[in-house]
Protein backbone atom coordinates (compact mmCIF):
# COMPACT_ATOMS: atom_id res chain seq x y z
CA UNK A 1 -2.55 -10.45 -12.85
CA UNK A 2 -4.59 -7.21 -13.27
CA UNK A 3 -7.99 -6.89 -11.73
CA UNK A 4 -10.50 -4.89 -12.50
CA UNK A 5 -12.12 -1.87 -10.68
CA UNK A 6 -12.14 -3.02 -6.59
CA UNK A 7 -15.57 -1.84 -6.03
CA UNK A 8 -16.31 -0.54 -1.82
CA UNK A 9 -15.93 -3.10 0.90
CA UNK A 10 -17.13 -6.50 -1.43
CA UNK A 11 -14.63 -5.61 -3.77
CA UNK A 12 -11.95 -5.10 -1.42
CA UNK A 13 -12.59 -8.21 0.47
CA UNK A 14 -13.00 -10.34 -2.41
CA UNK A 15 -9.64 -9.23 -3.46
CA UNK A 16 -7.74 -9.84 -0.08
CA UNK A 17 -9.49 -13.30 0.21
CA UNK A 18 -8.30 -14.27 -3.30
CA UNK A 19 -5.22 -12.51 -4.15
CA UNK A 20 -2.73 -14.70 -2.64
CA UNK A 21 -4.16 -18.48 -3.81
CA UNK A 22 -3.93 -16.55 -7.41
CA UNK A 23 -0.64 -15.76 -6.96
CA UNK A 24 0.29 -19.58 -6.16
CA UNK A 25 -2.00 -20.90 -8.73
CA UNK A 26 -0.89 -18.81 -12.12
CA UNK A 27 2.76 -17.92 -10.51
CA UNK A 28 2.61 -14.42 -10.81
CA UNK A 29 5.39 -11.90 -10.39
CA UNK A 30 3.08 -9.45 -9.83
CA UNK A 31 -0.46 -8.28 -9.15
CA UNK A 32 -1.64 -4.29 -10.14
CA UNK A 33 -5.55 -3.34 -9.03
CA UNK A 34 -7.83 -0.71 -10.29
CA UNK A 35 -8.63 0.67 -6.83
CA UNK A 36 -10.60 3.83 -8.00
CA UNK A 37 -13.91 2.66 -6.20
CA UNK A 38 -12.53 0.73 -3.05
CA UNK A 39 -14.02 3.38 -1.03
CA UNK A 40 -17.05 1.95 1.04
CA UNK A 41 -19.36 4.47 -1.04
CA UNK A 42 -17.96 3.39 -4.27
CA UNK A 43 -16.43 6.65 -5.08
CA UNK A 44 -12.57 7.06 -4.76
CA UNK A 45 -10.47 5.88 -2.59
CA UNK A 46 -8.35 6.38 0.79
CA UNK A 47 -4.85 6.16 1.89
CA UNK A 48 -6.75 3.02 4.39
CA UNK A 49 -8.29 1.37 1.19
CA UNK A 50 -4.68 1.64 -0.41
CA UNK A 51 -3.26 0.45 2.15
CA UNK A 52 -5.28 -2.57 2.21
CA UNK A 53 -4.82 -3.59 -1.22
CA UNK A 54 -1.37 -3.24 -0.83
CA UNK A 55 -1.13 -5.63 1.88
CA UNK A 56 -3.11 -7.85 0.59
CA UNK A 57 -0.47 -7.92 -2.83
CA UNK A 58 -1.17 -5.50 -4.76
CA UNK A 59 2.35 -3.66 -6.19
CA UNK A 60 1.02 -0.84 -8.00
CA UNK A 61 -2.65 0.46 -7.75
CA UNK A 62 -4.21 2.26 -10.60
CA UNK A 63 -7.46 4.75 -10.70
CA UNK A 64 -9.58 6.60 -12.82
CA UNK A 65 -11.98 9.36 -13.08
CA UNK A 66 -13.34 8.82 -9.35
CA UNK A 67 -10.14 9.03 -8.08
CA UNK A 68 -10.49 13.20 -7.21
CA UNK A 69 -14.03 12.15 -4.76
CA UNK A 70 -11.70 11.88 -1.86
CA UNK A 71 -10.09 15.27 -1.27
CA UNK A 72 -8.39 13.98 1.75
CA UNK A 73 -6.34 11.93 -0.98
CA UNK A 74 -5.16 14.16 -2.75
CA UNK A 75 -1.66 14.67 -0.63
CA UNK A 76 -1.45 11.39 -0.81
CA UNK A 77 -1.43 10.69 -4.10
CA UNK A 78 1.75 13.15 -4.62
CA UNK A 79 3.48 11.40 -1.76
CA UNK A 80 2.69 7.88 -2.54
CA UNK A 81 4.22 5.79 -5.16
CA UNK A 82 2.45 3.16 -4.98
CA UNK A 83 -0.69 4.89 -6.53
CA UNK A 84 -1.18 6.90 -10.08
CA UNK A 85 -3.54 8.46 -11.36
CA UNK A 86 -4.77 8.90 -15.47
CA UNK A 87 -1.59 10.60 -17.27
CA UNK A 88 -3.68 12.70 -19.42
CA UNK A 89 -5.06 14.78 -16.53
CA UNK A 90 -3.75 18.44 -16.27
CA UNK A 91 -0.02 18.10 -15.21
CA UNK A 92 -0.88 20.45 -11.72
CA UNK A 93 -3.56 17.52 -10.82
CA UNK A 94 -2.16 15.84 -7.59
CA UNK A 95 -0.23 12.38 -8.47
CA UNK A 96 1.34 10.68 -11.42
CA UNK A 97 0.26 9.35 -14.13
CA UNK A 98 3.10 6.45 -14.47
CA UNK A 99 5.62 4.03 -12.35
CA UNK A 100 8.22 2.39 -12.90
CA UNK A 101 7.91 -1.26 -10.66
CA UNK A 102 10.50 -3.81 -9.68
CA UNK A 103 9.06 -7.24 -10.62
CA UNK A 104 11.25 -9.88 -10.23
CA UNK A 105 14.38 -8.31 -11.19
CA UNK A 106 12.93 -6.22 -14.48
CA UNK A 107 11.70 -3.18 -14.19
CA UNK A 108 8.05 -2.86 -15.49
CA UNK A 109 6.15 0.73 -16.25
CA UNK A 110 2.54 0.96 -15.42
CA UNK A 111 0.44 3.45 -16.92
CA UNK A 112 -3.15 5.22 -16.06
CA UNK A 113 -5.05 6.79 -18.95
CA UNK A 114 -8.90 8.16 -18.92
CA UNK A 115 -10.68 8.15 -22.35
CA UNK A 116 -12.31 10.93 -24.17
CA UNK A 117 -15.72 9.96 -25.41
CA UNK A 118 -18.72 10.02 -23.03
CA UNK A 119 -16.23 10.44 -20.42
CA UNK A 120 -17.17 14.51 -18.32
CA UNK A 121 -13.86 14.91 -17.60
CA UNK A 122 -12.16 17.52 -19.71
CA UNK A 123 -8.55 15.82 -20.94
CA UNK A 124 -6.28 15.63 -23.36
CA UNK A 125 -5.74 13.11 -25.78
CA UNK A 126 -4.78 9.90 -24.56
CA UNK A 127 -3.17 9.23 -27.82
CA UNK A 128 -1.23 12.19 -27.86
CA UNK A 129 -0.18 11.63 -24.47
CA UNK A 130 0.78 7.97 -24.43
CA UNK A 131 2.89 8.65 -27.49
CA UNK A 132 4.30 11.23 -25.82
CA UNK A 133 5.01 9.27 -22.33
CA UNK A 134 6.46 6.12 -24.39
CA UNK A 135 9.40 8.30 -25.66
CA UNK A 136 10.66 8.26 -22.14
CA UNK A 137 9.42 5.04 -21.23
CA UNK A 138 11.25 2.79 -24.14
CA UNK A 139 14.29 4.00 -22.70
CA UNK A 140 13.86 2.77 -19.56
CA UNK A 141 11.93 -0.73 -20.14
CA UNK A 142 10.35 -2.78 -22.61
CA UNK A 143 7.83 -3.80 -20.17
CA UNK A 144 4.74 -1.09 -20.21
CA UNK A 145 1.88 -1.86 -19.56
CA UNK A 146 -1.29 0.60 -19.65
CA UNK A 147 -4.65 0.79 -17.54
CA UNK A 148 -7.20 2.87 -20.09
CA UNK A 149 -9.50 3.81 -17.89
CA UNK A 150 -12.81 4.57 -20.30
CA UNK A 151 -16.41 4.05 -21.90
CA UNK A 152 -15.89 3.64 -25.03
CA UNK A 153 -15.49 0.52 -26.14
CA UNK A 154 -14.33 1.60 -29.91
CA UNK A 155 -11.68 4.23 -28.15
CA UNK A 156 -10.42 1.53 -26.18
CA UNK A 157 -9.62 -0.78 -29.18
CA UNK A 158 -8.26 2.01 -31.50
CA UNK A 159 -5.94 3.05 -28.34
CA UNK A 160 -5.01 -1.05 -28.21
CA UNK A 161 -4.13 -0.93 -31.83
CA UNK A 162 -2.38 2.28 -31.66
CA UNK A 163 -0.10 0.72 -29.46
CA UNK A 164 0.00 -2.72 -30.47
CA UNK A 165 3.72 -3.85 -31.02
CA UNK A 166 4.92 -0.82 -28.76
CA UNK A 167 3.81 -2.04 -25.14
CA UNK A 168 2.77 -5.03 -23.11
CA UNK A 169 -0.63 -4.58 -22.66
CA UNK A 170 -3.20 -2.62 -22.85
CA UNK A 171 -6.53 -3.37 -20.22
CA UNK A 172 -9.23 -1.41 -20.24
CA UNK A 173 -11.31 -0.42 -16.87
CA UNK A 174 -14.26 1.96 -15.90
CA UNK A 175 -17.82 -0.09 -17.17
CA UNK A 176 -17.51 -2.88 -14.62
CA UNK A 177 -18.36 -5.52 -17.43
CA UNK A 178 -15.72 -7.81 -18.16
CA UNK A 179 -15.85 -8.09 -21.98
CA UNK A 180 -14.85 -11.76 -23.94
CA UNK A 181 -12.32 -9.76 -26.86
CA UNK A 182 -8.99 -10.82 -25.12
CA UNK A 183 -6.21 -11.11 -27.76
CA UNK A 184 -2.66 -10.50 -28.16
CA UNK A 185 -2.51 -8.09 -31.35
CA UNK A 186 -1.09 -8.93 -34.46
CA UNK A 187 2.26 -7.34 -33.09
CA UNK A 188 2.20 -8.60 -29.78
CA UNK A 189 0.39 -6.30 -27.27
CA UNK A 190 -1.88 -8.08 -25.29
CA UNK A 191 -5.61 -6.40 -25.10
CA UNK A 192 -8.74 -6.66 -23.10
CA UNK A 193 -11.47 -4.18 -23.80
CA UNK A 194 -12.91 -3.90 -20.25
CA UNK A 195 -11.12 -6.46 -17.36
CA UNK A 196 -14.51 -6.19 -15.12
CA UNK A 197 -14.80 -5.23 -11.29
CA UNK A 198 -15.03 -6.66 -7.85
CA UNK A 199 -17.75 -6.13 -5.97
CA UNK A 200 -21.43 -7.48 -5.52
CA UNK A 201 -22.46 -9.51 -8.48
CA UNK A 202 -26.10 -9.03 -8.06
CA UNK A 203 -25.98 -4.94 -8.81
CA UNK A 204 -25.59 -1.88 -10.86
CA UNK A 205 -22.24 -1.83 -11.56
CA UNK A 206 -22.01 -2.55 -7.34
CA UNK A 207 -24.64 -0.36 -6.06
CA UNK A 208 -28.06 -1.48 -5.15
CA UNK A 209 -30.49 -1.84 -7.75
CA UNK A 210 -33.23 0.43 -6.33
CA UNK A 211 -31.16 3.55 -6.27
CA UNK A 212 -30.13 2.91 -9.87
CA UNK A 213 -33.50 2.64 -11.24
CA UNK A 214 -35.40 5.51 -9.23
CA UNK A 215 -32.08 7.78 -10.88
CA UNK A 216 -33.34 6.05 -14.12
CA UNK A 217 -36.98 6.71 -13.87
CA UNK A 218 -36.74 10.25 -12.81
CA UNK A 219 -33.62 11.58 -13.80
CA UNK A 220 -33.29 13.50 -10.35
CA UNK A 221 -31.67 13.16 -6.90
CA UNK A 222 -34.20 10.81 -5.61
CA UNK A 223 -32.69 7.70 -6.59
CA UNK A 224 -29.53 7.99 -3.84
CA UNK A 225 -26.86 5.29 -4.97
CA UNK A 226 -25.69 2.73 -2.26
CA UNK A 227 -22.79 0.18 -2.27
CA UNK A 228 -24.76 -3.82 -2.77
CA UNK A 229 -23.36 -5.77 0.19
CA UNK A 230 -25.11 -8.43 0.29
CA UNK A 231 -24.97 -11.71 -1.97
CA UNK A 232 -22.09 -12.97 -4.35
CA UNK A 233 -19.20 -11.22 -5.50
CA UNK A 234 -17.81 -11.51 -8.45
CA UNK A 235 -13.44 -11.51 -8.88
CA UNK A 236 -12.73 -10.13 -12.13
CA UNK A 237 -8.68 -10.06 -13.64
CA UNK A 238 -6.47 -10.95 -16.02
CA UNK A 239 -3.55 -12.58 -16.30
CA UNK A 240 -0.66 -11.47 -19.15
CA UNK A 241 2.14 -13.70 -19.97
CA UNK A 242 4.65 -11.48 -21.33
CA UNK A 243 8.35 -11.77 -23.25
CA UNK A 244 10.69 -9.81 -20.81
CA UNK A 245 13.39 -9.60 -24.05
CA UNK A 246 10.93 -8.43 -26.30
CA UNK A 247 8.46 -7.21 -24.09
CA UNK A 248 5.62 -8.64 -26.04
CA UNK A 249 2.90 -10.67 -24.41
CA UNK A 250 3.15 -14.22 -25.35
CA UNK A 251 -0.42 -15.30 -23.89
CA UNK A 252 -3.41 -13.66 -22.47
CA UNK A 253 -5.86 -15.52 -19.67
CA UNK A 254 -9.26 -13.60 -18.43
CA UNK A 255 -10.16 -14.64 -14.71
CA UNK A 256 -13.99 -14.79 -13.75
CA UNK A 257 -15.46 -16.36 -10.35
CA UNK A 258 -18.06 -15.97 -8.24
CA UNK A 259 -17.61 -16.23 -4.67
CA UNK A 260 -21.04 -17.71 -2.87
CA UNK A 261 -20.29 -17.05 0.96
CA UNK A 262 -18.07 -14.08 1.34
CA UNK A 263 -20.88 -11.34 1.28
CA UNK A 264 -22.26 -13.20 4.95
CA UNK A 265 -18.74 -12.50 6.53
CA UNK A 266 -18.88 -8.91 5.96
CA UNK A 267 -20.08 -6.37 8.77
CA UNK A 268 -23.35 -4.62 8.21
CA UNK A 269 -22.50 -1.20 8.14
CA UNK A 270 -23.18 2.23 6.02
CA UNK A 271 -22.17 3.18 2.47
CA UNK A 272 -20.19 6.03 3.80
CA UNK A 273 -16.54 6.69 3.45
């Protein structure tokens, strides 16, 4: 199971509550989670956040463009093997863009990439980066999962078809809204444009409506973003079944449900890190 962007304390809480239950329900061998928004203020992640996700069952944590928000985490990116950043950032950046882990006796590669269309960071081409990295990874395993953290649906579709038959799954993150286009592509790669996020349901991508509205109307810092801590919390993820002999997908199933009660149990606190 791959779990979409965990956003702030609500997202971490809903993952902690449901990860074990979902692992039993779907008979999961592994859970991967995007944690780039796990920090209390929704920007980046900390060692505490990463440890909480791991303790709750995540075997690996992917990220995205917000991985650089918490400077204190830079050293952890170099030291930890369970957290990766997009592989197409320059090689001098902290951390690494892929990890190979053992899952039920099989080597599984997890790769993180970030898009270029409508994104602010200057990064290498995700297609060329993956093409080069794939040469190495295919010598290690046929089980390869991609978290493509990108804005444009067209760019995500393009990477999906570019890697069709070469990797097990291409799963999109970043836009926080789950799409309904899950499929096993013609050559056997599982694909979903965006997995969605875990966070406050009645929010603007996890943030409070009021701050987002002021920002949109006045185009300046009058609109202060703050994580929405109230109301129902949504859980978004996807399950992928893979043939371990071929490395190709057998099935893909979206997961989405709303926890109506969890927010009431969260302690009131500020939106700081």
